[in-house]
C-alpha atoms as a PDB file:
ATOM      1  CA  MET A   1    -325.007 -89.070 -86.438  1.00  0.00           C
ATOM      2  CA  ASP A   2    -328.528 -87.936 -86.680  1.00  0.00           C
ATOM      3  CA  LEU A   3    -330.890 -90.297 -88.530  1.00  0.00           C
ATOM      4  CA  ARG A   4    -332.345 -87.343 -90.443  1.00  0.00           C
ATOM      5  CA  ILE A   5    -328.903 -86.412 -91.860  1.00  0.00           C
ATOM      6  CA  ASN A   6    -328.308 -90.020 -92.918  1.00  0.00           C
ATOM      7  CA  LEU A   7    -331.662 -90.139 -94.713  1.00  0.00           C
ATOM      8  CA  ILE A   8    -331.002 -86.843 -96.510  1.00  0.00           C
ATOM      9  CA  ALA A   9    -327.524 -88.008 -97.571  1.00  0.00           C
ATOM     10  CA  GLY A  10    -328.921 -91.352 -98.769  1.00  0.00           C
ATOM     11  CA  ALA A  11    -331.700 -89.618-100.725  1.00  0.00           C
ATOM     12  CA  PHE A  12    -329.121 -87.288-102.283  1.00  0.00           C
ATOM     13  CA  ALA A  13    -326.922 -90.242-103.314  1.00  0.00           C
ATOM     14  CA  VAL A  14    -329.894 -92.097-104.808  1.00  0.00           C
ATOM     15  CA  GLY A  15    -330.955 -88.933-106.646  1.00  0.00           C
ATOM     16  CA  CYS A  16    -327.481 -88.473-108.118  1.00  0.00           C
ATOM     17  CA  THR A  17    -327.410 -92.116-109.201  1.00  0.00           C
ATOM     18  CA  LEU A  18    -330.801 -91.792-110.912  1.00  0.00           C
ATOM     19  CA  LEU A  19    -329.715 -88.581-112.639  1.00  0.00           C
ATOM     20  CA  VAL A  20    -326.572 -90.195-114.007  1.00  0.00           C
ATOM     21  CA  ALA A  21    -328.462 -93.318-115.106  1.00  0.00           C
ATOM     22  CA  SER A  22    -331.079 -91.270-116.958  1.00  0.00           C
ATOM     23  CA  ARG A  23    -328.392 -89.215-118.735  1.00  0.00           C
ATOM     24  CA  VAL A  24    -326.540 -92.356-119.766  1.00  0.00           C
ATOM     25  CA  ALA A  25    -329.750 -93.916-121.089  1.00  0.00           C
ATOM     26  CA  ARG A  26    -330.497 -90.822-123.201  1.00  0.00           C
ATOM     27  CA  ALA A  27    -326.941 -90.369-124.526  1.00  0.00           C
ATOM     28  CA  PRO A  28    -326.580 -90.787-128.284  1.00  0.00           C
ATOM     29  CA  ARG A  29    -324.957 -94.026-129.302  1.00  0.00           C
ATOM     30  CA  GLU A  30    -322.550 -94.218-132.176  1.00  0.00           C
ATOM     31  CA  GLU A  31    -323.511 -97.153-134.325  1.00  0.00           C
ATOM     32  CA  MET A  32    -320.543 -99.142-135.508  1.00  0.00           C
ATOM     33  CA  GLY A  33    -320.732-101.295-138.559  1.00  0.00           C
ATOM     34  CA  GLY A  34    -319.841-104.917-138.764  1.00  0.00           C
ATOM     35  CA  PRO A  35    -316.440-106.464-139.140  1.00  0.00           C
ATOM     36  CA  ALA A  36    -313.878-104.945-141.480  1.00  0.00           C
ATOM     37  CA  THR A  37    -313.443-106.374-144.943  1.00  0.00           C
ATOM     38  CA  PRO A  38    -310.081-107.900-145.874  1.00  0.00           C
ATOM     39  CA  ALA A  39    -309.352-104.836-148.032  1.00  0.00           C
ATOM     40  CA  GLN A  40    -310.083-102.517-145.102  1.00  0.00           C
ATOM     41  CA  ARG A  41    -307.841-104.559-142.836  1.00  0.00           C
ATOM     42  CA  ARG A  42    -304.976-104.330-145.316  1.00  0.00           C
ATOM     43  CA  SER A  43    -305.579-100.594-145.575  1.00  0.00           C
ATOM     44  CA  PHE A  44    -305.543-100.145-141.785  1.00  0.00           C
ATOM     45  CA  ALA A  45    -302.308-102.100-141.446  1.00  0.00           C
ATOM     46  CA  ALA A  46    -300.643-100.230-144.306  1.00  0.00           C
ATOM     47  CA  SER A  47    -301.680 -96.872-142.909  1.00  0.00           C
ATOM     48  CA  VAL A  48    -300.286 -97.573-139.460  1.00  0.00           C
ATOM     49  CA  SER A  49    -297.082 -99.242-140.655  1.00  0.00           C
ATOM     50  CA  GLY A  50    -296.502 -96.372-143.081  1.00  0.00           C
ATOM     51  CA  ASN A  51    -296.783 -93.809-140.276  1.00  0.00           C
ATOM     52  CA  GLU A  52    -294.642 -95.656-137.739  1.00  0.00           C
ATOM     53  CA  PRO A  53    -291.252 -94.308-138.939  1.00  0.00           C
ATOM     54  CA  THR A  54    -292.570 -90.737-138.749  1.00  0.00           C
ATOM     55  CA  TRP A  55    -293.947 -91.340-135.249  1.00  0.00           C
ATOM     56  CA  ARG A  56    -290.624 -92.846-134.149  1.00  0.00           C
ATOM     57  CA  ARG A  57    -288.632 -89.865-135.463  1.00  0.00           C
ATOM     58  CA  LYS A  58    -291.029 -87.406-133.838  1.00  0.00           C
ATOM     59  CA  THR A  59    -290.873 -89.128-130.455  1.00  0.00           C
ATOM     60  CA  GLU A  60    -287.071 -89.380-130.627  1.00  0.00           C
ATOM     61  CA  GLU A  61    -286.923 -85.623-131.259  1.00  0.00           C
ATOM     62  CA  ASP A  62    -289.390 -84.863-128.455  1.00  0.00           C
ATOM     63  CA  PHE A  63    -287.717 -87.165-125.901  1.00  0.00           C
ATOM     64  CA  PRO A  64    -284.090 -87.607-127.017  1.00  0.00           C
ATOM     65  CA  SER A  65    -282.782 -89.566-124.041  1.00  0.00           C
ATOM     66  CA  ASP A  66    -285.952 -91.003-122.498  1.00  0.00           C
ATOM     67  CA  LEU A  67    -286.952 -94.344-124.020  1.00  0.00           C
ATOM     68  CA  TRP A  68    -289.917 -94.680-121.665  1.00  0.00           C
ATOM     69  CA  SER A  69    -291.452 -91.406-122.878  1.00  0.00           C
ATOM     70  CA  GLN A  70    -290.598 -92.210-126.495  1.00  0.00           C
ATOM     71  CA  ARG A  71    -292.574 -95.453-126.286  1.00  0.00           C
ATOM     72  CA  ASP A  72    -295.428 -93.757-124.485  1.00  0.00           C
ATOM     73  CA  ALA A  73    -295.646 -90.961-127.074  1.00  0.00           C
ATOM     74  CA  PHE A  74    -295.358 -93.466-129.934  1.00  0.00           C
ATOM     75  CA  HIS A  75    -298.277 -95.478-128.592  1.00  0.00           C
ATOM     76  CA  ASN A  76    -300.307 -92.301-128.160  1.00  0.00           C
ATOM     77  CA  HIS A  77    -299.809 -91.613-131.876  1.00  0.00           C
ATOM     78  CA  GLU A  78    -300.783 -95.196-132.640  1.00  0.00           C
ATOM     79  CA  ALA A  79    -303.902 -95.046-130.445  1.00  0.00           C
ATOM     80  CA  GLN A  80    -305.063 -91.816-132.076  1.00  0.00           C
ATOM     81  CA  SER A  81    -304.553 -93.351-135.501  1.00  0.00           C
ATOM     82  CA  ILE A  82    -306.617 -96.393-134.468  1.00  0.00           C
ATOM     83  CA  ARG A  83    -309.447 -94.145-133.282  1.00  0.00           C
ATOM     84  CA  ASP A  84    -309.329 -92.124-136.514  1.00  0.00           C
ATOM     85  CA  LEU A  85    -309.276 -95.185-138.778  1.00  0.00           C
ATOM     86  CA  SER A  86    -312.046 -96.883-136.827  1.00  0.00           C
ATOM     87  CA  GLY A  87    -314.280 -93.815-136.886  1.00  0.00           C
ATOM     88  CA  ALA A  88    -313.733 -93.136-140.588  1.00  0.00           C
ATOM     89  CA  ALA A  89    -314.511 -96.738-141.561  1.00  0.00           C
ATOM     90  CA  HIS A  90    -317.310 -97.197-138.972  1.00  0.00           C
ATOM     91  CA  VAL A  91    -315.803-100.383-137.634  1.00  0.00           C
ATOM     92  CA  PRO A  92    -315.022-101.307-134.013  1.00  0.00           C
ATOM     93  CA  TYR A  93    -311.555-100.462-132.668  1.00  0.00           C
ATOM     94  CA  GLU A  94    -310.898-104.154-132.279  1.00  0.00           C
ATOM     95  CA  GLU A  95    -310.973-104.632-136.045  1.00  0.00           C
ATOM     96  CA  VAL A  96    -308.227-102.048-136.578  1.00  0.00           C
ATOM     97  CA  ILE A  97    -306.161-103.428-133.709  1.00  0.00           C
ATOM     98  CA  ARG A  98    -306.539-106.974-135.052  1.00  0.00           C
ATOM     99  CA  ALA A  99    -305.394-105.848-138.507  1.00  0.00           C
ATOM    100  CA  ILE A 100    -302.319-104.156-137.026  1.00  0.00           C
ATOM    101  CA  ASP A 101    -301.555-107.199-134.871  1.00  0.00           C
ATOM    102  CA  GLU A 102    -301.748-109.558-137.847  1.00  0.00           C
ATOM    103  CA  ASP A 103    -299.486-107.250-139.865  1.00  0.00           C
ATOM    104  CA  VAL A 104    -296.924-106.977-137.064  1.00  0.00           C
ATOM    105  CA  ARG A 105    -296.856-110.748-136.604  1.00  0.00           C
ATOM    106  CA  LEU A 106    -296.406-111.213-140.351  1.00  0.00           C
ATOM    107  CA  SER A 107    -293.652-108.568-140.358  1.00  0.00           C
ATOM    108  CA  GLY A 108    -291.781-110.480-137.681  1.00  0.00           C
ATOM    109  CA  THR A 109    -291.429-113.471-139.974  1.00  0.00           C
ATOM    110  CA  LEU A 110    -290.947-111.678-143.293  1.00  0.00           C
ATOM    111  CA  ALA A 111    -289.331-108.396-142.273  1.00  0.00           C
ATOM    112  CA  PRO A 112    -288.127-106.361-145.249  1.00  0.00           C
ATOM    113  CA  PRO A 113    -285.559-103.639-144.432  1.00  0.00           C
ATOM    114  CA  GLU A 114    -288.119-100.801-144.500  1.00  0.00           C
ATOM    115  CA  ARG A 115    -290.161-102.486-141.748  1.00  0.00           C
ATOM    116  CA  GLU A 116    -287.303-102.800-139.289  1.00  0.00           C
ATOM    117  CA  GLY A 117    -288.211-102.138-135.685  1.00  0.00           C
ATOM    118  CA  ARG A 118    -291.574-103.898-135.801  1.00  0.00           C
ATOM    119  CA  ALA A 119    -291.784-106.929-133.576  1.00  0.00           C
ATOM    120  CA  ALA A 120    -294.521-108.996-131.982  1.00  0.00           C
ATOM    121  CA  GLY A 121    -292.622-109.393-128.721  1.00  0.00           C
ATOM    122  CA  ALA A 122    -293.241-107.566-125.483  1.00  0.00           C
ATOM    123  CA  ILE A 123    -290.863-104.954-124.137  1.00  0.00           C
ATOM    124  CA  PRO A 124    -290.000-105.555-120.491  1.00  0.00           C
ATOM    125  CA  CYS A 125    -291.278-102.952-118.081  1.00  0.00           C
ATOM    126  CA  LYS A 126    -288.364-100.916-116.772  1.00  0.00           C
ATOM    127  CA  PRO A 127    -289.801 -98.009-114.801  1.00  0.00           C
ATOM    128  CA  ARG A 128    -287.927 -94.778-114.383  1.00  0.00           C
ATOM    129  CA  PRO A 129    -285.632 -94.710-111.371  1.00  0.00           C
ATOM    130  CA  PHE A 130    -286.579 -92.340-108.586  1.00  0.00           C
ATOM    131  CA  TYR A 131    -283.871 -90.073-107.249  1.00  0.00           C
ATOM    132  CA  ASP A 132    -285.307 -88.607-104.069  1.00  0.00           C
END
């Protein structure tokens, strides 16, 4: 190739990189507060565990015979709830996730009947079969 074309392409790439870097540097940053209080953590866990049965019913209705999609849709509901709780309380996502994790692990050892279905174990990955 021509050296002139290579120089123009390189200058264009550098220009794009500088443009993106300047826009990132000027982007507004959302300030998150510090760690969640114990009361907030209990509230996060209660909110999510209270909504789980509704999410399960909704995903079972939306995907009646597809467990993979049910789990995917359920976790989408859970992720949106985490984002909402985190934003409303001005705490990092990790704080909400940690509160849910602690609650799930506690539920596994002291599971009352209304909290059935919550477990701290991992579900094995069983991808959909392909029928081509």
